[in-house]
Amino acid sequence: MVRKIFNLLFYRSWWVVAFTLLCGVLYENGLKIREVHYQQLKDQSNRLQIEKQRSLELQKNLKLRINSQTDSAWKELVLMRILGLVPENERKVFFYKDE
């Protein structure tokens, strides 16, 4: 009886067992590849989230700078700081190092 079952399963239907094993191996390989792709996409998503956050901060800072340019005190400060201009009633002072 055992010999009949063994004969039936392995000698007559060996290709079914081989096909099942091949399918199992290919399935496991597919799962590994899927996991690698998932990790790559997750890393890319994290990088894009960080870049998005930085871009939003830059946008916020630029909006603040644009909005502040309508303020006359801000314009005066920029002219004094960048161009070195001073109002008419103030005196400009230079400091030099002695060498």
PDB file of N, CA and C in Angstrom:
ATOM      1  N   MET A   1       0.820  -1.195   0.000  1.00  0.00           N
ATOM      2  CA  MET A   1       0.000   0.000   0.000  1.00  0.00           C
ATOM      3  C   MET A   1       0.867   1.263   0.000  1.00  0.00           C
ATOM      4  N   VAL A   2       1.862   1.308   0.889  1.00  0.00           N
ATOM      5  CA  VAL A   2       2.751   2.465   0.958  1.00  0.00           C
ATOM      6  C   VAL A   2       3.549   2.568  -0.333  1.00  0.00           C
ATOM      7  N   ARG A   3       3.938   1.427  -0.848  1.00  0.00           N
ATOM      8  CA  ARG A   3       4.700   1.418  -2.098  1.00  0.00           C
ATOM      9  C   ARG A   3       3.845   1.940  -3.254  1.00  0.00           C
ATOM     10  N   LYS A   4       2.565   1.629  -3.242  1.00  0.00           N
ATOM     11  CA  LYS A   4       1.662   2.102  -4.289  1.00  0.00           C
ATOM     12  C   LYS A   4       1.530   3.631  -4.227  1.00  0.00           C
ATOM     13  N   ILE A   5       1.369   4.181  -3.035  1.00  0.00           N
ATOM     14  CA  ILE A   5       1.244   5.630  -2.871  1.00  0.00           C
ATOM     15  C   ILE A   5       2.542   6.319  -3.287  1.00  0.00           C
ATOM     16  N   PHE A   6       3.661   5.754  -2.853  1.00  0.00           N
ATOM     17  CA  PHE A   6       4.967   6.308  -3.217  1.00  0.00           C
ATOM     18  C   PHE A   6       5.144   6.265  -4.736  1.00  0.00           C
ATOM     19  N   ASN A   7       4.777   5.143  -5.330  1.00  0.00           N
ATOM     20  CA  ASN A   7       4.884   4.977  -6.782  1.00  0.00           C
ATOM     21  C   ASN A   7       3.975   5.981  -7.497  1.00  0.00           C
ATOM     22  N   LEU A   8       2.779   6.166  -6.987  1.00  0.00           N
ATOM     23  CA  LEU A   8       1.825   7.083  -7.604  1.00  0.00           C
ATOM     24  C   LEU A   8       2.286   8.534  -7.491  1.00  0.00           C
ATOM     25  N   LEU A   9       2.771   8.932  -6.316  1.00  0.00           N
ATOM     26  CA  LEU A   9       3.164  10.320  -6.091  1.00  0.00           C
ATOM     27  C   LEU A   9       4.471  10.693  -6.774  1.00  0.00           C
ATOM     28  N   PHE A  10       5.459   9.833  -6.719  1.00  0.00           N
ATOM     29  CA  PHE A  10       6.780  10.237  -7.183  1.00  0.00           C
ATOM     30  C   PHE A  10       7.135   9.746  -8.582  1.00  0.00           C
ATOM     31  N   TYR A  11       6.716   8.581  -8.952  1.00  0.00           N
ATOM     32  CA  TYR A  11       7.090   8.092 -10.274  1.00  0.00           C
ATOM     33  C   TYR A  11       6.151   8.574 -11.360  1.00  0.00           C
ATOM     34  N   ARG A  12       4.884   8.577 -11.090  1.00  0.00           N
ATOM     35  CA  ARG A  12       3.934   8.997 -12.113  1.00  0.00           C
ATOM     36  C   ARG A  12       3.689  10.502 -12.103  1.00  0.00           C
ATOM     37  N   SER A  13       3.786  11.135 -10.943  1.00  0.00           N
ATOM     38  CA  SER A  13       3.454  12.560 -10.837  1.00  0.00           C
ATOM     39  C   SER A  13       4.640  13.391 -10.366  1.00  0.00           C
ATOM     40  N   TRP A  14       5.826  13.027 -10.754  1.00  0.00           N
ATOM     41  CA  TRP A  14       7.013  13.764 -10.329  1.00  0.00           C
ATOM     42  C   TRP A  14       6.980  15.204 -10.856  1.00  0.00           C
ATOM     43  N   TRP A  15       6.398  15.408 -12.033  1.00  0.00           N
ATOM     44  CA  TRP A  15       6.373  16.732 -12.629  1.00  0.00           C
ATOM     45  C   TRP A  15       5.473  17.688 -11.840  1.00  0.00           C
ATOM     46  N   VAL A  16       4.442  17.148 -11.169  1.00  0.00           N
ATOM     47  CA  VAL A  16       3.573  17.989 -10.343  1.00  0.00           C
ATOM     48  C   VAL A  16       4.345  18.495  -9.118  1.00  0.00           C
ATOM     49  N   VAL A  17       5.112  17.593  -8.521  1.00  0.00           N
ATOM     50  CA  VAL A  17       5.915  17.965  -7.356  1.00  0.00           C
ATOM     51  C   VAL A  17       6.986  18.974  -7.775  1.00  0.00           C
ATOM     52  N   ALA A  18       7.657  18.722  -8.899  1.00  0.00           N
ATOM     53  CA  ALA A  18       8.693  19.636  -9.377  1.00  0.00           C
ATOM     54  C   ALA A  18       8.081  20.998  -9.710  1.00  0.00           C
ATOM     55  N   PHE A  19       6.916  21.010 -10.351  1.00  0.00           N
ATOM     56  CA  PHE A  19       6.250  22.263 -10.693  1.00  0.00           C
ATOM     57  C   PHE A  19       5.872  23.034  -9.432  1.00  0.00           C
ATOM     58  N   THR A  20       5.377  22.329  -8.430  1.00  0.00           N
ATOM     59  CA  THR A  20       5.002  22.972  -7.162  1.00  0.00           C
ATOM     60  C   THR A  20       6.228  23.579  -6.485  1.00  0.00           C
ATOM     61  N   LEU A  21       7.342  22.861  -6.472  1.00  0.00           N
ATOM     62  CA  LEU A  21       8.571  23.392  -5.877  1.00  0.00           C
ATOM     63  C   LEU A  21       9.082  24.598  -6.657  1.00  0.00           C
ATOM     64  N   LEU A  22       9.032  24.516  -7.982  1.00  0.00           N
ATOM     65  CA  LEU A  22       9.463  25.642  -8.807  1.00  0.00           C
ATOM     66  C   LEU A  22       8.596  26.875  -8.533  1.00  0.00           C
ATOM     67  N   CYS A  23       7.293  26.675  -8.439  1.00  0.00           N
ATOM     68  CA  CYS A  23       6.392  27.793  -8.140  1.00  0.00           C
ATOM     69  C   CYS A  23       6.699  28.393  -6.768  1.00  0.00           C
ATOM     70  N   GLY A  24       6.991  27.554  -5.795  1.00  0.00           N
ATOM     71  CA  GLY A  24       7.336  28.046  -4.460  1.00  0.00           C
ATOM     72  C   GLY A  24       8.613  28.865  -4.471  1.00  0.00           C
ATOM     73  N   VAL A  25       9.618  28.390  -5.208  1.00  0.00           N
ATOM     74  CA  VAL A  25      10.889  29.116  -5.290  1.00  0.00           C
ATOM     75  C   VAL A  25      10.690  30.462  -5.981  1.00  0.00           C
ATOM     76  N   LEU A  26       9.950  30.463  -7.085  1.00  0.00           N
ATOM     77  CA  LEU A  26       9.694  31.720  -7.795  1.00  0.00           C
ATOM     78  C   LEU A  26       8.875  32.695  -6.945  1.00  0.00           C
ATOM     79  N   TYR A  27       7.940  32.189  -6.164  1.00  0.00           N
ATOM     80  CA  TYR A  27       7.131  33.031  -5.285  1.00  0.00           C
ATOM     81  C   TYR A  27       8.006  33.688  -4.217  1.00  0.00           C
ATOM     82  N   GLU A  28       8.899  32.907  -3.610  1.00  0.00           N
ATOM     83  CA  GLU A  28       9.802  33.460  -2.588  1.00  0.00           C
ATOM     84  C   GLU A  28      10.719  34.522  -3.194  1.00  0.00           C
ATOM     85  N   ASN A  29      11.208  34.262  -4.395  1.00  0.00           N
ATOM     86  CA  ASN A  29      12.071  35.235  -5.065  1.00  0.00           C
ATOM     87  C   ASN A  29      11.286  36.525  -5.348  1.00  0.00           C
ATOM     88  N   GLY A  30      10.056  36.378  -5.785  1.00  0.00           N
ATOM     89  CA  GLY A  30       9.218  37.546  -6.030  1.00  0.00           C
ATOM     90  C   GLY A  30       8.965  38.347  -4.760  1.00  0.00           C
ATOM     91  N   LEU A  31       8.780  37.663  -3.637  1.00  0.00           N
ATOM     92  CA  LEU A  31       8.582  38.366  -2.364  1.00  0.00           C
ATOM     93  C   LEU A  31       9.818  39.165  -1.963  1.00  0.00           C
ATOM     94  N   LYS A  32      11.009  38.587  -2.199  1.00  0.00           N
ATOM     95  CA  LYS A  32      12.244  39.310  -1.864  1.00  0.00           C
ATOM     96  C   LYS A  32      12.390  40.551  -2.725  1.00  0.00           C
ATOM     97  N   ILE A  33      12.123  40.416  -4.025  1.00  0.00           N
ATOM     98  CA  ILE A  33      12.228  41.561  -4.926  1.00  0.00           C
ATOM     99  C   ILE A  33      11.206  42.631  -4.547  1.00  0.00           C
ATOM    100  N   ARG A  34      10.010  42.201  -4.176  1.00  0.00           N
ATOM    101  CA  ARG A  34       8.965  43.140  -3.768  1.00  0.00           C
ATOM    102  C   ARG A  34       9.385  43.909  -2.525  1.00  0.00           C
ATOM    103  N   GLU A  35      10.014  43.238  -1.582  1.00  0.00           N
ATOM    104  CA  GLU A  35      10.469  43.884  -0.351  1.00  0.00           C
ATOM    105  C   GLU A  35      11.562  44.916  -0.647  1.00  0.00           C
ATOM    106  N   VAL A  36      12.467  44.581  -1.567  1.00  0.00           N
ATOM    107  CA  VAL A  36      13.526  45.522  -1.939  1.00  0.00           C
ATOM    108  C   VAL A  36      12.913  46.766  -2.580  1.00  0.00           C
ATOM    109  N   HIS A  37      11.971  46.570  -3.495  1.00  0.00           N
ATOM    110  CA  HIS A  37      11.317  47.710  -4.136  1.00  0.00           C
ATOM    111  C   HIS A  37      10.533  48.544  -3.123  1.00  0.00           C
ATOM    112  N   TYR A  38       9.895  47.884  -2.176  1.00  0.00           N
ATOM    113  CA  TYR A  38       9.152  48.602  -1.144  1.00  0.00           C
ATOM    114  C   TYR A  38      10.086  49.486  -0.317  1.00  0.00           C
ATOM    115  N   GLN A  39      11.248  48.948   0.063  1.00  0.00           N
ATOM    116  CA  GLN A  39      12.202  49.738   0.849  1.00  0.00           C
ATOM    117  C   GLN A  39      12.734  50.920   0.049  1.00  0.00           C
ATOM    118  N   GLN A  40      12.987  50.705  -1.245  1.00  0.00           N
ATOM    119  CA  GLN A  40      13.468  51.800  -2.083  1.00  0.00           C
ATOM    120  C   GLN A  40      12.418  52.904  -2.173  1.00  0.00           C
ATOM    121  N   LEU A  41      11.171  52.522  -2.370  1.00  0.00           N
ATOM    122  CA  LEU A  41      10.103  53.518  -2.452  1.00  0.00           C
ATOM    123  C   LEU A  41       9.892  54.234  -1.122  1.00  0.00           C
ATOM    124  N   LYS A  42      10.039  53.504  -0.030  1.00  0.00           N
ATOM    125  CA  LYS A  42       9.894  54.118   1.293  1.00  0.00           C
ATOM    126  C   LYS A  42      11.007  55.143   1.535  1.00  0.00           C
ATOM    127  N   ASP A  43      12.247  54.795   1.168  1.00  0.00           N
ATOM    128  CA  ASP A  43      13.364  55.733   1.313  1.00  0.00           C
ATOM    129  C   ASP A  43      13.160  56.965   0.437  1.00  0.00           C
ATOM    130  N   GLN A  44      12.709  56.737  -0.794  1.00  0.00           N
ATOM    131  CA  GLN A  44      12.455  57.858  -1.690  1.00  0.00           C
ATOM    132  C   GLN A  44      11.344  58.754  -1.143  1.00  0.00           C
ATOM    133  N   SER A  45      10.321  58.144  -0.572  1.00  0.00           N
ATOM    134  CA  SER A  45       9.227  58.921   0.018  1.00  0.00           C
ATOM    135  C   SER A  45       9.741  59.767   1.181  1.00  0.00           C
ATOM    136  N   ASN A  46      10.599  59.188   2.018  1.00  0.00           N
ATOM    137  CA  ASN A  46      11.163  59.950   3.141  1.00  0.00           C
ATOM    138  C   ASN A  46      11.998  61.130   2.648  1.00  0.00           C
ATOM    139  N   ARG A  47      12.823  60.891   1.615  1.00  0.00           N
ATOM    140  CA  ARG A  47      13.634  61.983   1.067  1.00  0.00           C
ATOM    141  C   ARG A  47      12.751  63.087   0.493  1.00  0.00           C
ATOM    142  N   LEU A  48      11.685  62.700  -0.191  1.00  0.00           N
ATOM    143  CA  LEU A  48      10.782  63.701  -0.770  1.00  0.00           C
ATOM    144  C   LEU A  48      10.043  64.476   0.311  1.00  0.00           C
ATOM    145  N   GLN A  49       9.692  63.817   1.411  1.00  0.00           N
ATOM    146  CA  GLN A  49       9.037  64.519   2.518  1.00  0.00           C
ATOM    147  C   GLN A  49       9.968  65.563   3.126  1.00  0.00           C
ATOM    148  N   ILE A  50      11.252  65.197   3.278  1.00  0.00           N
ATOM    149  CA  ILE A  50      12.233  66.145   3.822  1.00  0.00           C
ATOM    150  C   ILE A  50      12.412  67.317   2.866  1.00  0.00           C
ATOM    151  N   GLU A  51      12.508  67.021   1.567  1.00  0.00           N
ATOM    152  CA  GLU A  51      12.660  68.087   0.574  1.00  0.00           C
ATOM    153  C   GLU A  51      11.429  68.985   0.544  1.00  0.00           C
ATOM    154  N   LYS A  52      10.262  68.392   0.695  1.00  0.00           N
ATOM    155  CA  LYS A  52       9.025  69.180   0.726  1.00  0.00           C
ATOM    156  C   LYS A  52       9.023  70.116   1.927  1.00  0.00           C
ATOM    157  N   GLN A  53       9.453  69.607   3.083  1.00  0.00           N
ATOM    158  CA  GLN A  53       9.492  70.427   4.295  1.00  0.00           C
ATOM    159  C   GLN A  53      10.440  71.605   4.119  1.00  0.00           C
ATOM    160  N   ARG A  54      11.613  71.340   3.525  1.00  0.00           N
ATOM    161  CA  ARG A  54      12.578  72.417   3.295  1.00  0.00           C
ATOM    162  C   ARG A  54      12.009  73.450   2.325  1.00  0.00           C
ATOM    163  N   SER A  55      11.337  72.976   1.296  1.00  0.00           N
ATOM    164  CA  SER A  55      10.753  73.892   0.315  1.00  0.00           C
ATOM    165  C   SER A  55       9.662  74.754   0.940  1.00  0.00           C
ATOM    166  N   LEU A  56       8.861  74.156   1.812  1.00  0.00           N
ATOM    167  CA  LEU A  56       7.822  74.933   2.492  1.00  0.00           C
ATOM    168  C   LEU A  56       8.431  75.990   3.405  1.00  0.00           C
ATOM    169  N   GLU A  57       9.524  75.653   4.077  1.00  0.00           N
ATOM    170  CA  GLU A  57      10.211  76.639   4.933  1.00  0.00           C
ATOM    171  C   GLU A  57      10.770  77.776   4.084  1.00  0.00           C
ATOM    172  N   LEU A  58      11.378  77.426   2.956  1.00  0.00           N
ATOM    173  CA  LEU A  58      11.918  78.453   2.061  1.00  0.00           C
ATOM    174  C   LEU A  58      10.803  79.343   1.537  1.00  0.00           C
ATOM    175  N   GLN A  59       9.687  78.735   1.164  1.00  0.00           N
ATOM    176  CA  GLN A  59       8.548  79.505   0.667  1.00  0.00           C
ATOM    177  C   GLN A  59       8.037  80.464   1.742  1.00  0.00           C
ATOM    178  N   LYS A  60       7.964  79.975   2.977  1.00  0.00           N
ATOM    179  CA  LYS A  60       7.502  80.814   4.083  1.00  0.00           C
ATOM    180  C   LYS A  60       8.444  82.003   4.288  1.00  0.00           C
ATOM    181  N   ASN A  61       9.749  81.738   4.267  1.00  0.00           N
ATOM    182  CA  ASN A  61      10.722  82.815   4.450  1.00  0.00           C
ATOM    183  C   ASN A  61      10.657  83.828   3.310  1.00  0.00           C
ATOM    184  N   LEU A  62      10.506  83.328   2.079  1.00  0.00           N
ATOM    185  CA  LEU A  62      10.419  84.243   0.942  1.00  0.00           C
ATOM    186  C   LEU A  62       9.155  85.098   1.005  1.00  0.00           C
ATOM    187  N   LYS A  63       8.041  84.509   1.420  1.00  0.00           N
ATOM    188  CA  LYS A  63       6.814  85.283   1.568  1.00  0.00           C
ATOM    189  C   LYS A  63       6.974  86.367   2.628  1.00  0.00           C
ATOM    190  N   LEU A  64       7.636  86.027   3.729  1.00  0.00           N
ATOM    191  CA  LEU A  64       7.882  87.033   4.767  1.00  0.00           C
ATOM    192  C   LEU A  64       8.752  88.162   4.235  1.00  0.00           C
ATOM    193  N   ARG A  65       9.765  87.818   3.446  1.00  0.00           N
ATOM    194  CA  ARG A  65      10.640  88.858   2.890  1.00  0.00           C
ATOM    195  C   ARG A  65       9.884  89.742   1.910  1.00  0.00           C
ATOM    196  N   ILE A  66       9.033  89.128   1.094  1.00  0.00           N
ATOM    197  CA  ILE A  66       8.253  89.913   0.133  1.00  0.00           C
ATOM    198  C   ILE A  66       7.283  90.833   0.859  1.00  0.00           C
ATOM    199  N   ASN A  67       6.607  90.304   1.861  1.00  0.00           N
ATOM    200  CA  ASN A  67       5.643  91.120   2.619  1.00  0.00           C
ATOM    201  C   ASN A  67       6.327  92.244   3.384  1.00  0.00           C
ATOM    202  N   SER A  68       7.554  92.003   3.826  1.00  0.00           N
ATOM    203  CA  SER A  68       8.241  93.033   4.606  1.00  0.00           C
ATOM    204  C   SER A  68       8.775  94.153   3.719  1.00  0.00           C
ATOM    205  N   GLN A  69       8.849  93.929   2.408  1.00  0.00           N
ATOM    206  CA  GLN A  69       9.384  94.966   1.523  1.00  0.00           C
ATOM    207  C   GLN A  69       8.428  96.143   1.356  1.00  0.00           C
ATOM    208  N   THR A  70       7.192  95.980   1.743  1.00  0.00           N
ATOM    209  CA  THR A  70       6.257  97.107   1.678  1.00  0.00           C
ATOM    210  C   THR A  70       6.406  98.029   2.885  1.00  0.00           C
ATOM    211  N   ASP A  71       7.129  97.591   3.896  1.00  0.00           N
ATOM    212  CA  ASP A  71       7.347  98.393   5.107  1.00  0.00           C
ATOM    213  C   ASP A  71       8.488  99.373   4.855  1.00  0.00           C
ATOM    214  N   SER A  72       8.244 100.662   5.119  1.00  0.00           N
ATOM    215  CA  SER A  72       9.273 101.678   4.846  1.00  0.00           C
ATOM    216  C   SER A  72      10.488 101.524   5.772  1.00  0.00           C
ATOM    217  N   ALA A  73      10.262 101.095   7.014  1.00  0.00           N
ATOM    218  CA  ALA A  73      11.383 100.893   7.929  1.00  0.00           C
ATOM    219  C   ALA A  73      12.278  99.754   7.427  1.00  0.00           C
ATOM    220  N   TRP A  74      11.683  98.747   6.858  1.00  0.00           N
ATOM    221  CA  TRP A  74      12.459  97.630   6.304  1.00  0.00           C
ATOM    222  C   TRP A  74      13.287  98.106   5.109  1.00  0.00           C
ATOM    223  N   LYS A  75      12.691  98.922   4.257  1.00  0.00           N
ATOM    224  CA  LYS A  75      13.426  99.441   3.098  1.00  0.00           C
ATOM    225  C   LYS A  75      14.631 100.262   3.552  1.00  0.00           C
ATOM    226  N   GLU A  76      14.421 101.079   4.567  1.00  0.00           N
ATOM    227  CA  GLU A  76      15.516 101.900   5.084  1.00  0.00           C
ATOM    228  C   GLU A  76      16.627 101.028   5.652  1.00  0.00           C
ATOM    229  N   LEU A  77      16.250  99.972   6.363  1.00  0.00           N
ATOM    230  CA  LEU A  77      17.239  99.067   6.940  1.00  0.00           C
ATOM    231  C   LEU A  77      18.034  98.359   5.849  1.00  0.00           C
ATOM    232  N   VAL A  78      17.365  97.930   4.795  1.00  0.00           N
ATOM    233  CA  VAL A  78      18.062  97.258   3.690  1.00  0.00           C
ATOM    234  C   VAL A  78      19.008  98.220   2.999  1.00  0.00           C
ATOM    235  N   LEU A  79      18.574  99.434   2.752  1.00  0.00           N
ATOM    236  CA  LEU A  79      19.450 100.418   2.117  1.00  0.00           C
ATOM    237  C   LEU A  79      20.678 100.704   2.969  1.00  0.00           C
ATOM    238  N   MET A  80      20.490 100.768   4.272  1.00  0.00           N
ATOM    239  CA  MET A  80      21.618 101.030   5.161  1.00  0.00           C
ATOM    240  C   MET A  80      22.557  99.828   5.230  1.00  0.00           C
ATOM    241  N   ARG A  81      22.008  98.650   5.303  1.00  0.00           N
ATOM    242  CA  ARG A  81      22.825  97.457   5.496  1.00  0.00           C
ATOM    243  C   ARG A  81      23.538  97.040   4.209  1.00  0.00           C
ATOM    244  N   ILE A  82      22.818  96.970   3.101  1.00  0.00           N
ATOM    245  CA  ILE A  82      23.399  96.431   1.878  1.00  0.00           C
ATOM    246  C   ILE A  82      24.149  97.490   1.078  1.00  0.00           C
ATOM    247  N   LEU A  83      23.534  98.633   0.873  1.00  0.00           N
ATOM    248  CA  LEU A  83      24.158  99.665   0.051  1.00  0.00           C
ATOM    249  C   LEU A  83      25.041 100.622   0.841  1.00  0.00           C
ATOM    250  N   GLY A  84      24.900 100.604   2.146  1.00  0.00           N
ATOM    251  CA  GLY A  84      25.730 101.474   2.967  1.00  0.00           C
ATOM    252  C   GLY A  84      25.248 102.907   3.011  1.00  0.00           C
ATOM    253  N   LEU A  85      24.016 103.156   2.638  1.00  0.00           N
ATOM    254  CA  LEU A  85      23.464 104.514   2.679  1.00  0.00           C
ATOM    255  C   LEU A  85      23.020 104.863   4.093  1.00  0.00           C
ATOM    256  N   VAL A  86      23.014 106.137   4.395  1.00  0.00           N
ATOM    257  CA  VAL A  86      22.531 106.597   5.700  1.00  0.00           C
ATOM    258  C   VAL A  86      21.542 107.743   5.476  1.00  0.00           C
ATOM    259  N   PRO A  87      20.610 107.920   6.397  1.00  0.00           N
ATOM    260  CA  PRO A  87      19.682 109.054   6.280  1.00  0.00           C
ATOM    261  C   PRO A  87      20.444 110.379   6.343  1.00  0.00           C
ATOM    262  N   GLU A  88      19.804 111.435   5.872  1.00  0.00           N
ATOM    263  CA  GLU A  88      20.472 112.743   5.771  1.00  0.00           C
ATOM    264  C   GLU A  88      20.887 113.293   7.131  1.00  0.00           C
ATOM    265  N   ASN A  89      20.149 113.031   8.170  1.00  0.00           N
ATOM    266  CA  ASN A  89      20.459 113.610   9.473  1.00  0.00           C
ATOM    267  C   ASN A  89      21.390 112.733  10.306  1.00  0.00           C
ATOM    268  N   GLU A  90      21.926 111.671   9.734  1.00  0.00           N
ATOM    269  CA  GLU A  90      22.850 110.803  10.485  1.00  0.00           C
ATOM    270  C   GLU A  90      24.224 110.846   9.844  1.00  0.00           C
ATOM    271  N   ARG A  91      25.227 110.455  10.642  1.00  0.00           N
ATOM    272  CA  ARG A  91      26.615 110.483  10.179  1.00  0.00           C
ATOM    273  C   ARG A  91      27.106 109.046  10.023  1.00  0.00           C
ATOM    274  N   LYS A  92      27.807 108.828   8.935  1.00  0.00           N
ATOM    275  CA  LYS A  92      28.353 107.499   8.654  1.00  0.00           C
ATOM    276  C   LYS A  92      29.741 107.407   9.264  1.00  0.00           C
ATOM    277  N   VAL A  93      30.008 106.288   9.977  1.00  0.00           N
ATOM    278  CA  VAL A  93      31.287 106.110  10.654  1.00  0.00           C
ATOM    279  C   VAL A  93      31.939 104.847  10.106  1.00  0.00           C
ATOM    280  N   PHE A  94      33.230 104.947   9.776  1.00  0.00           N
ATOM    281  CA  PHE A  94      33.999 103.801   9.300  1.00  0.00           C
ATOM    282  C   PHE A  94      35.005 103.404  10.359  1.00  0.00           C
ATOM    283  N   PHE A  95      35.204 102.112  10.517  1.00  0.00           N
ATOM    284  CA  PHE A  95      36.215 101.589  11.442  1.00  0.00           C
ATOM    285  C   PHE A  95      37.241 100.827  10.622  1.00  0.00           C
ATOM    286  N   TYR A  96      38.528 101.174  10.834  1.00  0.00           N
ATOM    287  CA  TYR A  96      39.616 100.528  10.104  1.00  0.00           C
ATOM    288  C   TYR A  96      40.544  99.893  11.124  1.00  0.00           C
ATOM    289  N   LYS A  97      41.153  98.787  10.709  1.00  0.00           N
ATOM    290  CA  LYS A  97      42.166  98.156  11.552  1.00  0.00           C
ATOM    291  C   LYS A  97      43.523  98.794  11.253  1.00  0.00           C
ATOM    292  N   ASP A  98      44.266  99.057  12.310  1.00  0.00           N
ATOM    293  CA  ASP A  98      45.636  99.558  12.112  1.00  0.00           C
ATOM    294  C   ASP A  98      46.553  98.383  11.852  1.00  0.00           C
ATOM    295  N   GLU A  99      47.317  98.510  10.787  1.00  0.00           N
ATOM    296  CA  GLU A  99      48.227  97.407  10.473  1.00  0.00           C
ATOM    297  C   GLU A  99      49.660  97.790  10.687  1.00  0.00           C
TER     298      GLU A  99
END
